[in-house]
N, C-alpha and C. Protein backbone atom coordinates (compact mmCIF):
# COMPACT_ATOMS: atom_id res chain seq x y z
N MET A 1 -33.47 -17.20 -3.91
CA MET A 1 -34.02 -17.55 -5.17
C MET A 1 -33.07 -18.43 -5.95
N HIS A 2 -33.75 -19.56 -6.23
CA HIS A 2 -32.79 -20.68 -7.00
C HIS A 2 -32.58 -20.47 -8.54
N ASN A 3 -31.50 -20.89 -9.16
CA ASN A 3 -31.29 -20.67 -10.41
C ASN A 3 -31.60 -22.11 -11.12
N ASN A 4 -32.54 -22.04 -12.14
CA ASN A 4 -32.93 -23.24 -12.77
C ASN A 4 -32.06 -23.34 -14.29
N ASN A 5 -31.29 -22.48 -14.36
CA ASN A 5 -30.45 -22.46 -15.58
C ASN A 5 -29.13 -23.15 -15.77
N CYS A 6 -28.87 -23.74 -16.95
CA CYS A 6 -27.53 -24.38 -17.00
C CYS A 6 -26.50 -23.42 -16.90
N ARG A 7 -25.40 -23.66 -16.41
CA ARG A 7 -24.28 -22.74 -16.29
C ARG A 7 -23.63 -22.58 -17.71
N VAL A 8 -23.72 -23.56 -18.51
CA VAL A 8 -23.03 -23.59 -19.61
C VAL A 8 -23.85 -22.94 -20.76
N CYS A 9 -25.03 -23.27 -21.09
CA CYS A 9 -25.77 -22.74 -22.11
C CYS A 9 -26.90 -21.87 -21.82
N GLY A 10 -27.40 -21.78 -20.54
CA GLY A 10 -28.56 -21.11 -20.02
C GLY A 10 -29.84 -21.68 -20.29
N PHE A 11 -30.01 -23.09 -20.63
CA PHE A 11 -31.22 -23.69 -20.65
C PHE A 11 -31.88 -23.63 -19.28
N ASP A 12 -33.24 -23.40 -19.41
CA ASP A 12 -34.09 -23.38 -18.08
C ASP A 12 -34.26 -24.82 -17.89
N TYR A 13 -33.64 -25.47 -16.89
CA TYR A 13 -33.97 -26.85 -16.54
C TYR A 13 -35.26 -27.20 -15.84
N GLY A 14 -35.71 -26.25 -15.36
CA GLY A 14 -37.09 -26.42 -14.52
C GLY A 14 -36.86 -26.58 -13.18
N SER A 15 -35.64 -27.01 -12.73
CA SER A 15 -35.46 -27.19 -11.27
C SER A 15 -33.88 -26.72 -11.30
N PRO A 16 -33.42 -26.50 -9.95
CA PRO A 16 -31.99 -26.07 -9.92
C PRO A 16 -31.17 -27.15 -10.20
N PRO A 17 -30.33 -27.23 -11.36
CA PRO A 17 -29.41 -28.30 -11.59
C PRO A 17 -28.28 -28.51 -10.35
N TRP A 18 -28.08 -27.59 -9.61
CA TRP A 18 -27.31 -27.72 -8.58
C TRP A 18 -27.97 -27.80 -7.20
N GLY A 19 -29.11 -28.20 -7.27
CA GLY A 19 -29.99 -28.50 -6.09
C GLY A 19 -30.44 -27.09 -5.34
N ASP A 20 -31.28 -27.27 -4.46
CA ASP A 20 -31.80 -26.16 -3.80
C ASP A 20 -30.94 -25.19 -3.04
N ASP A 21 -29.78 -25.91 -2.61
CA ASP A 21 -28.77 -25.21 -1.78
C ASP A 21 -27.64 -24.65 -2.61
N GLY A 22 -27.70 -24.95 -4.00
CA GLY A 22 -26.74 -24.44 -5.07
C GLY A 22 -25.41 -25.04 -4.91
N GLN A 23 -25.34 -26.24 -4.15
CA GLN A 23 -24.01 -26.92 -3.84
C GLN A 23 -24.21 -28.27 -4.16
N THR A 24 -25.28 -28.88 -4.60
CA THR A 24 -25.44 -30.25 -4.49
C THR A 24 -26.04 -30.74 -5.89
N PRO A 25 -25.18 -30.94 -6.91
CA PRO A 25 -25.35 -31.08 -8.24
C PRO A 25 -26.35 -32.27 -8.48
N LEU A 26 -27.18 -32.11 -9.49
CA LEU A 26 -28.02 -33.46 -9.85
C LEU A 26 -27.37 -34.66 -10.47
N TRP A 27 -26.35 -34.36 -11.11
CA TRP A 27 -25.65 -35.36 -11.86
C TRP A 27 -26.43 -35.76 -13.17
N GLU A 28 -27.22 -34.92 -13.56
CA GLU A 28 -28.02 -35.30 -14.78
C GLU A 28 -27.42 -34.38 -15.87
N TYR A 29 -27.87 -34.59 -17.04
CA TYR A 29 -27.42 -34.12 -18.34
C TYR A 29 -28.38 -32.94 -18.70
N CYS A 30 -27.88 -31.84 -19.24
CA CYS A 30 -28.72 -30.76 -19.86
C CYS A 30 -29.09 -31.20 -21.11
N PRO A 31 -30.43 -31.23 -21.39
CA PRO A 31 -30.94 -31.74 -22.72
C PRO A 31 -30.54 -30.88 -23.88
N CYS A 32 -30.00 -29.60 -23.57
CA CYS A 32 -29.58 -28.75 -24.61
C CYS A 32 -28.09 -29.00 -25.06
N CYS A 33 -27.20 -28.67 -24.10
CA CYS A 33 -25.78 -28.53 -24.41
C CYS A 33 -24.89 -29.92 -24.08
N GLY A 34 -25.68 -30.85 -23.22
CA GLY A 34 -25.30 -32.00 -22.66
C GLY A 34 -24.29 -32.16 -21.66
N THR A 35 -24.20 -30.86 -20.80
CA THR A 35 -23.54 -30.70 -19.69
C THR A 35 -23.87 -31.65 -18.62
N GLU A 36 -23.15 -32.45 -18.01
CA GLU A 36 -23.58 -33.27 -16.82
C GLU A 36 -23.37 -32.36 -15.63
N PHE A 37 -24.35 -31.97 -15.01
CA PHE A 37 -24.36 -31.06 -13.78
C PHE A 37 -23.53 -31.76 -12.71
N GLY A 38 -22.55 -30.91 -12.45
CA GLY A 38 -21.61 -31.53 -11.27
C GLY A 38 -20.26 -32.04 -11.68
N TYR A 39 -20.24 -32.16 -12.97
CA TYR A 39 -18.87 -32.57 -13.63
C TYR A 39 -18.37 -31.47 -14.49
N GLN A 40 -18.94 -31.31 -15.66
CA GLN A 40 -18.33 -30.22 -16.62
C GLN A 40 -18.59 -28.72 -16.21
N ASP A 41 -19.52 -28.71 -15.22
CA ASP A 41 -19.80 -27.44 -14.83
C ASP A 41 -19.46 -26.98 -13.32
N SER A 42 -18.63 -27.72 -12.85
CA SER A 42 -18.04 -27.57 -11.55
C SER A 42 -17.06 -26.61 -11.24
N THR A 43 -16.38 -26.02 -12.33
CA THR A 43 -15.37 -25.10 -12.16
C THR A 43 -15.56 -24.10 -13.37
N TYR A 44 -15.09 -22.78 -13.20
CA TYR A 44 -15.23 -21.86 -14.20
C TYR A 44 -14.45 -22.05 -15.49
N ALA A 45 -13.42 -22.79 -15.29
CA ALA A 45 -12.53 -23.23 -16.52
C ALA A 45 -13.31 -24.44 -17.17
N GLY A 46 -13.93 -25.28 -16.51
CA GLY A 46 -14.67 -26.36 -17.15
C GLY A 46 -15.95 -25.90 -17.92
N ILE A 47 -16.65 -24.87 -17.26
CA ILE A 47 -17.71 -24.23 -17.99
C ILE A 47 -17.42 -23.58 -19.40
N LYS A 48 -16.26 -22.83 -19.20
CA LYS A 48 -15.83 -22.06 -20.37
C LYS A 48 -15.54 -23.09 -21.54
N ARG A 49 -14.73 -24.30 -21.16
CA ARG A 49 -14.25 -25.35 -22.13
C ARG A 49 -15.65 -25.92 -22.76
N LYS A 50 -16.61 -26.31 -21.79
CA LYS A 50 -17.79 -27.00 -22.38
C LYS A 50 -18.50 -26.04 -23.32
N ARG A 51 -18.78 -24.69 -22.99
CA ARG A 51 -19.50 -23.88 -23.60
C ARG A 51 -18.80 -23.73 -25.05
N LYS A 52 -17.26 -23.64 -25.10
CA LYS A 52 -16.71 -23.56 -26.36
C LYS A 52 -16.84 -24.65 -27.25
N GLU A 53 -16.78 -25.88 -26.67
CA GLU A 53 -16.93 -27.02 -27.43
C GLU A 53 -18.32 -27.28 -28.00
N TRP A 54 -19.22 -26.86 -27.20
CA TRP A 54 -20.57 -27.00 -27.50
C TRP A 54 -20.89 -25.85 -28.77
N ILE A 55 -20.59 -24.75 -28.66
CA ILE A 55 -20.83 -23.67 -29.69
C ILE A 55 -19.93 -24.08 -30.95
N ASP A 56 -18.52 -24.43 -30.83
CA ASP A 56 -17.81 -24.91 -32.02
C ASP A 56 -18.24 -26.09 -32.60
N GLY A 57 -19.01 -26.81 -32.01
CA GLY A 57 -19.69 -28.05 -32.47
C GLY A 57 -20.96 -27.96 -33.07
N GLY A 58 -21.36 -26.53 -33.33
CA GLY A 58 -22.57 -26.42 -34.00
C GLY A 58 -23.69 -26.26 -33.17
N LYS A 59 -23.68 -26.09 -31.65
CA LYS A 59 -24.74 -25.83 -30.68
C LYS A 59 -25.79 -26.82 -30.98
N LYS A 60 -25.42 -28.18 -31.08
CA LYS A 60 -26.23 -29.25 -31.26
C LYS A 60 -26.81 -29.66 -29.93
N TRP A 61 -28.21 -29.96 -29.84
CA TRP A 61 -28.86 -30.32 -28.76
C TRP A 61 -28.74 -31.72 -28.44
N LEU A 62 -28.49 -32.07 -27.06
CA LEU A 62 -28.34 -33.53 -26.62
C LEU A 62 -29.58 -34.34 -26.98
N ILE A 63 -30.66 -33.76 -26.68
CA ILE A 63 -32.01 -34.36 -26.84
C ILE A 63 -32.70 -33.38 -27.82
N GLU A 64 -32.70 -33.68 -29.05
CA GLU A 64 -33.37 -32.80 -30.26
C GLU A 64 -34.75 -32.66 -29.87
N SER A 65 -35.42 -33.61 -29.42
CA SER A 65 -36.95 -33.53 -29.24
C SER A 65 -37.32 -32.60 -28.24
N GLU A 66 -36.48 -32.10 -27.33
CA GLU A 66 -36.75 -31.15 -26.35
C GLU A 66 -36.46 -29.72 -26.63
N LYS A 67 -35.94 -29.52 -28.02
CA LYS A 67 -35.72 -28.23 -28.45
C LYS A 67 -36.91 -27.58 -28.97
N PRO A 68 -37.19 -26.23 -28.37
CA PRO A 68 -38.39 -25.55 -28.70
C PRO A 68 -38.33 -25.17 -30.31
N HIS A 69 -39.40 -25.16 -30.91
CA HIS A 69 -39.47 -24.85 -32.26
C HIS A 69 -39.00 -23.41 -32.61
N ASP A 70 -39.00 -22.53 -31.56
CA ASP A 70 -38.64 -21.12 -31.65
C ASP A 70 -37.31 -20.85 -30.96
N TRP A 71 -36.55 -22.00 -30.76
CA TRP A 71 -35.42 -21.75 -29.95
C TRP A 71 -34.46 -20.58 -30.54
N SER A 72 -33.92 -19.87 -29.79
CA SER A 72 -32.95 -18.95 -30.11
C SER A 72 -31.58 -19.09 -29.19
N PHE A 73 -30.53 -19.31 -29.85
CA PHE A 73 -29.25 -19.31 -29.01
C PHE A 73 -29.02 -17.88 -28.38
N ASP A 74 -29.15 -16.81 -29.08
CA ASP A 74 -29.00 -15.60 -28.56
C ASP A 74 -29.83 -15.29 -27.42
N GLU A 75 -31.16 -15.71 -27.34
CA GLU A 75 -31.87 -15.38 -26.17
C GLU A 75 -31.51 -16.41 -25.05
N GLN A 76 -31.26 -17.63 -25.34
CA GLN A 76 -31.13 -18.67 -24.25
C GLN A 76 -29.63 -18.29 -23.52
N ILE A 77 -28.71 -17.75 -24.33
CA ILE A 77 -27.31 -17.57 -23.65
C ILE A 77 -27.52 -16.52 -22.71
N LYS A 78 -28.29 -15.46 -22.97
CA LYS A 78 -28.61 -14.50 -21.75
C LYS A 78 -29.05 -15.12 -20.53
N ASN A 79 -29.39 -16.12 -20.39
CA ASN A 79 -29.94 -16.79 -19.14
C ASN A 79 -28.84 -17.32 -18.25
N ILE A 80 -27.56 -17.47 -18.74
CA ILE A 80 -26.49 -18.10 -18.13
C ILE A 80 -26.34 -17.24 -16.81
N PRO A 81 -26.26 -17.77 -15.57
CA PRO A 81 -26.10 -17.19 -14.30
C PRO A 81 -24.90 -16.13 -14.32
N GLU A 82 -25.03 -15.06 -14.15
CA GLU A 82 -23.94 -14.00 -14.18
C GLU A 82 -22.55 -14.44 -13.74
N THR A 83 -22.60 -15.28 -12.74
CA THR A 83 -21.27 -15.76 -12.23
C THR A 83 -20.48 -16.61 -13.11
N TYR A 84 -21.29 -17.19 -14.11
CA TYR A 84 -20.52 -18.09 -14.91
C TYR A 84 -20.50 -17.64 -16.52
N LYS A 85 -20.69 -16.50 -16.69
CA LYS A 85 -20.60 -15.94 -18.03
C LYS A 85 -19.28 -15.74 -18.45
């Protein structure tokens, strides 16, 4: 099973941001937290750093128009893949 969620914020990207093999990043940006898949989420330390920056910065969406009207940080963060929490 492929994981479609951002390693930093848990956003459901709709397709695996690290490719079908889980090893080949898309090099695209998460519309929620702004993480560049393959760069800021390539190490556990990078993931933790980016997550802290995003949260400390007010959890602002990179692409505000993609933010669901009923968005919940508490619900979305639960979707972070277990390995990257």
